[in-house]
Amino acid sequence: MGTAVIENIKSRRDFVSNYLHDLGLDIPDPMGGFYTWIPLPKLLDSKGLATEIIEETGVIVFPGIGFGENGEGHIRISLVQDIPVWKQR
């Protein structure tokens, strides 16, 4: 990956991380890659929440359970979308 691509992904990561922190979600800062895992409150299931987010916002998130039993209690979001698109949601 070129430097410009890496910097672009980092800026998206920082934007999404700050946005989610502002919503009151206590998420770990992503350490690399182009996706992040968001831990959910204990009473929420990942599949139900992912479906609700997709239906209400059009933002595609992935239920953690789709990545195995240890993924339950999390949703995964990609950081490849441009920041202006995130701001619209």
Protein backbone atom coordinates (compact mmCIF):
# COMPACT_ATOMS: atom_id res chain seq x y z
CA MET A 1 0.00 0.00 0.00
CA GLY A 2 1.21 3.48 -0.80
CA THR A 3 1.70 6.18 1.80
CA ALA A 4 -1.31 8.18 0.55
CA VAL A 5 -3.60 5.15 0.90
CA ILE A 6 -2.36 4.44 4.41
CA GLU A 7 -2.85 8.07 5.47
CA ASN A 8 -6.35 8.06 3.98
CA ILE A 9 -7.30 4.96 5.96
CA LYS A 10 -5.80 6.48 9.13
CA SER A 11 -7.86 9.65 8.70
CA ARG A 12 -11.02 7.57 8.23
CA ARG A 13 -10.11 5.48 11.27
CA ASP A 14 -9.64 8.60 13.38
CA PHE A 15 -12.90 10.13 12.16
CA VAL A 16 -14.94 6.98 12.85
CA SER A 17 -13.26 6.42 16.21
CA ASN A 18 -13.96 10.00 17.33
CA TYR A 19 -17.52 9.82 16.02
CA LEU A 20 -18.24 6.64 17.95
CA HIS A 21 -16.59 8.00 21.10
CA ASP A 22 -18.81 11.09 20.78
CA LEU A 23 -21.84 8.77 20.68
CA GLY A 24 -20.72 7.35 24.01
CA LEU A 25 -19.36 4.07 22.69
CA ASP A 26 -16.28 2.90 24.52
CA ILE A 27 -14.33 1.33 21.69
CA PRO A 28 -10.68 0.37 21.44
CA ASP A 29 -8.70 2.39 18.93
CA PRO A 30 -8.13 0.27 15.83
CA MET A 31 -4.47 -0.70 15.61
CA GLY A 32 -4.34 -1.49 11.91
CA GLY A 33 -6.30 -2.71 8.95
CA PHE A 34 -9.31 -1.07 7.39
CA TYR A 35 -12.04 -2.20 9.77
CA THR A 36 -12.84 -1.88 13.46
CA TRP A 37 -14.72 -3.98 15.98
CA ILE A 38 -17.26 -2.28 18.21
CA PRO A 39 -18.13 -4.00 21.49
CA LEU A 40 -21.85 -3.98 22.27
CA PRO A 41 -23.66 -3.63 25.58
CA LYS A 42 -24.36 -7.05 27.10
CA LEU A 43 -28.06 -7.21 26.18
CA LEU A 44 -27.66 -6.53 22.45
CA ASP A 45 -27.10 -9.27 19.92
CA SER A 46 -24.87 -8.48 16.98
CA LYS A 47 -27.14 -9.83 14.25
CA GLY A 48 -30.20 -7.91 15.44
CA LEU A 49 -28.31 -4.65 15.85
CA ALA A 50 -26.55 -4.98 12.50
CA THR A 51 -29.89 -5.52 10.78
CA GLU A 52 -31.40 -2.51 12.53
CA ILE A 53 -28.48 -0.25 11.60
CA ILE A 54 -28.65 -1.33 7.95
CA GLU A 55 -32.43 -0.81 7.77
CA GLU A 56 -32.45 2.56 9.53
CA THR A 57 -29.32 4.18 8.11
CA GLY A 58 -28.25 2.25 5.05
CA VAL A 59 -24.83 1.81 6.65
CA ILE A 60 -23.65 -1.76 6.24
CA VAL A 61 -22.14 -3.27 9.35
CA PHE A 62 -21.32 -6.90 9.97
CA PRO A 63 -22.56 -8.87 12.97
CA GLY A 64 -19.70 -10.29 14.96
CA ILE A 65 -21.39 -13.68 15.22
CA GLY A 66 -20.69 -14.10 11.49
CA PHE A 67 -17.00 -14.39 12.39
CA GLY A 68 -17.50 -17.13 14.98
CA GLU A 69 -18.85 -17.47 18.51
CA ASN A 70 -16.24 -15.12 19.96
CA GLY A 71 -17.48 -12.40 17.62
CA GLU A 72 -20.88 -12.24 19.30
CA GLY A 73 -21.25 -9.06 21.30
CA HIS A 74 -19.50 -7.02 18.59
CA ILE A 75 -20.20 -5.49 15.22
CA ARG A 76 -17.54 -4.88 12.62
CA ILE A 77 -17.45 -1.84 10.39
CA SER A 78 -15.24 -1.07 7.44
CA LEU A 79 -13.18 2.09 7.25
CA VAL A 80 -13.10 2.24 3.45
CA GLN A 81 -16.02 4.65 3.05
CA ASP A 82 -15.10 8.29 2.44
CA ILE A 83 -15.55 10.68 5.36
CA PRO A 84 -18.18 12.86 3.57
CA VAL A 85 -20.37 9.75 3.24
CA TRP A 86 -19.97 9.02 6.96
CA LYS A 87 -21.03 12.57 7.74
CA GLN A 88 -24.27 12.06 5.79
CA ARG A 89 -25.28 9.13 7.97
